[in-house]
Amino acid sequence: MCLGIPGRIVAITDETRMTALAEVSGVRREVNIACVLDRPIAALVGEWALIHVGFAMALIDADEAARTLDALRDLGEAQEALEAMAEGQKALEGGA
């Protein structure tokens, strides 16, 4: 299973190499946009994409991006809660 993280394409960095700068939760990184290049390259600026290991894999709309980011935040919070519960259980059992 692979997980795509929503990111917004904010700039084209190299047309020849088909790379762009994408912002993912406030962090900017260069990604390859060859898989989503279905229009003139400059038209991708401002678009949302699902990004996986440095590649924009699919274009998505802003609503889907927001729902996915919310779900990922919820998963992270759930994981933190589960880890805290496990630590609490270890402490009750006398382990550390």
C-alpha atoms as a PDB file:
ATOM      1  CA  MET A   1       0.000   0.000   0.000  1.00  0.00           C
ATOM      2  CA  CYS A   2       1.252   3.463  -0.760  1.00  0.00           C
ATOM      3  CA  LEU A   3       0.097   6.677   0.789  1.00  0.00           C
ATOM      4  CA  GLY A   4      -0.135   9.918  -1.136  1.00  0.00           C
ATOM      5  CA  ILE A   5       0.084  13.141   0.828  1.00  0.00           C
ATOM      6  CA  PRO A   6      -1.757  16.184  -0.578  1.00  0.00           C
ATOM      7  CA  GLY A   7       0.527  18.994  -1.662  1.00  0.00           C
ATOM      8  CA  ARG A   8      -0.055  22.181  -3.602  1.00  0.00           C
ATOM      9  CA  ILE A   9       2.181  22.911  -6.578  1.00  0.00           C
ATOM     10  CA  VAL A  10       3.561  26.397  -5.947  1.00  0.00           C
ATOM     11  CA  ALA A  11       6.193  26.799  -8.679  1.00  0.00           C
ATOM     12  CA  ILE A  12       7.751  25.054 -11.641  1.00  0.00           C
ATOM     13  CA  THR A  13      11.445  24.507 -10.932  1.00  0.00           C
ATOM     14  CA  ASP A  14      12.636  22.835 -14.145  1.00  0.00           C
ATOM     15  CA  GLU A  15      10.436  22.395 -17.224  1.00  0.00           C
ATOM     16  CA  THR A  16      12.919  20.085 -18.932  1.00  0.00           C
ATOM     17  CA  ARG A  17      13.147  17.706 -15.955  1.00  0.00           C
ATOM     18  CA  MET A  18       9.403  18.173 -15.247  1.00  0.00           C
ATOM     19  CA  THR A  19       9.928  19.179 -11.633  1.00  0.00           C
ATOM     20  CA  ALA A  20       8.005  21.569  -9.438  1.00  0.00           C
ATOM     21  CA  LEU A  21       8.037  22.932  -5.920  1.00  0.00           C
ATOM     22  CA  ALA A  22       5.147  21.512  -3.878  1.00  0.00           C
ATOM     23  CA  GLU A  23       4.066  22.638  -0.434  1.00  0.00           C
ATOM     24  CA  VAL A  24       2.977  19.882   1.924  1.00  0.00           C
ATOM     25  CA  SER A  25       1.690  21.121   5.294  1.00  0.00           C
ATOM     26  CA  GLY A  26       3.968  24.150   5.193  1.00  0.00           C
ATOM     27  CA  VAL A  27       7.047  22.261   3.985  1.00  0.00           C
ATOM     28  CA  ARG A  28       8.240  22.839   0.428  1.00  0.00           C
ATOM     29  CA  ARG A  29      10.002  20.171  -1.582  1.00  0.00           C
ATOM     30  CA  GLU A  30      10.803  19.453  -5.181  1.00  0.00           C
ATOM     31  CA  VAL A  31       8.664  16.788  -6.847  1.00  0.00           C
ATOM     32  CA  ASN A  32       8.476  15.226 -10.282  1.00  0.00           C
ATOM     33  CA  ILE A  33       5.230  16.136 -12.065  1.00  0.00           C
ATOM     34  CA  ALA A  34       5.580  13.956 -15.194  1.00  0.00           C
ATOM     35  CA  CYS A  35       2.715  11.650 -14.093  1.00  0.00           C
ATOM     36  CA  VAL A  36       0.221  14.528 -13.876  1.00  0.00           C
ATOM     37  CA  LEU A  37       1.360  16.582 -16.848  1.00  0.00           C
ATOM     38  CA  ASP A  38      -1.911  16.697 -18.798  1.00  0.00           C
ATOM     39  CA  ARG A  39      -1.777  20.413 -19.705  1.00  0.00           C
ATOM     40  CA  PRO A  40       0.840  23.102 -20.245  1.00  0.00           C
ATOM     41  CA  ILE A  41       3.295  22.794 -17.366  1.00  0.00           C
ATOM     42  CA  ALA A  42       2.739  26.340 -16.052  1.00  0.00           C
ATOM     43  CA  ALA A  43      -0.989  25.598 -15.645  1.00  0.00           C
ATOM     44  CA  LEU A  44      -0.184  23.153 -12.823  1.00  0.00           C
ATOM     45  CA  VAL A  45       0.856  25.970 -10.460  1.00  0.00           C
ATOM     46  CA  GLY A  46      -1.834  26.222  -7.798  1.00  0.00           C
ATOM     47  CA  GLU A  47      -3.123  22.683  -8.359  1.00  0.00           C
ATOM     48  CA  TRP A  48      -3.315  20.061  -5.597  1.00  0.00           C
ATOM     49  CA  ALA A  49      -1.678  16.675  -6.126  1.00  0.00           C
ATOM     50  CA  LEU A  50      -1.225  13.466  -4.180  1.00  0.00           C
ATOM     51  CA  ILE A  51       2.515  13.157  -3.633  1.00  0.00           C
ATOM     52  CA  HIS A  52       4.345   9.907  -2.938  1.00  0.00           C
ATOM     53  CA  VAL A  53       8.141   9.531  -2.641  1.00  0.00           C
ATOM     54  CA  GLY A  54       8.858  12.678  -4.627  1.00  0.00           C
ATOM     55  CA  PHE A  55       6.324  12.137  -7.395  1.00  0.00           C
ATOM     56  CA  ALA A  56       2.991  13.849  -7.970  1.00  0.00           C
ATOM     57  CA  MET A  57       0.840  10.776  -8.669  1.00  0.00           C
ATOM     58  CA  ALA A  58      -2.609  12.314  -9.241  1.00  0.00           C
ATOM     59  CA  LEU A  59      -4.269  15.701  -9.322  1.00  0.00           C
ATOM     60  CA  ILE A  60      -7.042  16.267  -6.773  1.00  0.00           C
ATOM     61  CA  ASP A  61      -9.360  19.152  -5.976  1.00  0.00           C
ATOM     62  CA  ALA A  62      -9.018  21.400  -2.923  1.00  0.00           C
ATOM     63  CA  ASP A  63     -11.908  19.703  -1.076  1.00  0.00           C
ATOM     64  CA  GLU A  64     -10.365  16.250  -1.440  1.00  0.00           C
ATOM     65  CA  ALA A  65      -6.995  17.641  -0.338  1.00  0.00           C
ATOM     66  CA  ALA A  66      -8.567  19.143   2.804  1.00  0.00           C
ATOM     67  CA  ARG A  67     -10.439  15.924   3.653  1.00  0.00           C
ATOM     68  CA  THR A  68      -7.282  13.851   3.192  1.00  0.00           C
ATOM     69  CA  LEU A  69      -5.181  16.208   5.317  1.00  0.00           C
ATOM     70  CA  ASP A  70      -7.849  16.108   8.062  1.00  0.00           C
ATOM     71  CA  ALA A  71      -7.897  12.299   7.973  1.00  0.00           C
ATOM     72  CA  LEU A  72      -4.095  12.137   8.178  1.00  0.00           C
ATOM     73  CA  ARG A  73      -4.116  14.518  11.165  1.00  0.00           C
ATOM     74  CA  ASP A  74      -6.770  12.370  12.861  1.00  0.00           C
ATOM     75  CA  LEU A  75      -4.704   9.223  12.229  1.00  0.00           C
ATOM     76  CA  GLY A  76      -1.643  10.881  13.749  1.00  0.00           C
ATOM     77  CA  GLU A  77      -3.604  11.928  16.832  1.00  0.00           C
ATOM     78  CA  ALA A  78      -5.063   8.412  17.166  1.00  0.00           C
ATOM     79  CA  GLN A  79      -1.577   6.904  16.917  1.00  0.00           C
ATOM     80  CA  GLU A  80      -0.283   9.254  19.616  1.00  0.00           C
ATOM     81  CA  ALA A  81      -3.210   8.307  21.880  1.00  0.00           C
ATOM     82  CA  LEU A  82      -2.567   4.581  21.337  1.00  0.00           C
ATOM     83  CA  GLU A  83       1.129   5.010  22.130  1.00  0.00           C
ATOM     84  CA  ALA A  84       0.288   6.963  25.305  1.00  0.00           C
ATOM     85  CA  MET A  85      -2.133   4.222  26.368  1.00  0.00           C
ATOM     86  CA  ALA A  86       0.520   1.553  25.748  1.00  0.00           C
ATOM     87  CA  GLU A  87       3.056   3.508  27.817  1.00  0.00           C
ATOM     88  CA  GLY A  88       0.492   3.895  30.608  1.00  0.00           C
ATOM     89  CA  GLN A  89      -0.188   0.173  30.555  1.00  0.00           C
ATOM     90  CA  LYS A  90       3.538  -0.611  30.766  1.00  0.00           C
ATOM     91  CA  ALA A  91       3.836   1.702  33.781  1.00  0.00           C
ATOM     92  CA  LEU A  92       0.908  -0.042  35.504  1.00  0.00           C
ATOM     93  CA  GLU A  93       2.512  -3.416  34.873  1.00  0.00           C
ATOM     94  CA  GLY A  94       5.777  -2.220  36.358  1.00  0.00           C
ATOM     95  CA  GLY A  95       7.676  -2.040  33.081  1.00  0.00           C
ATOM     96  CA  ALA A  96       9.218   1.051  31.622  1.00  0.00           C
END
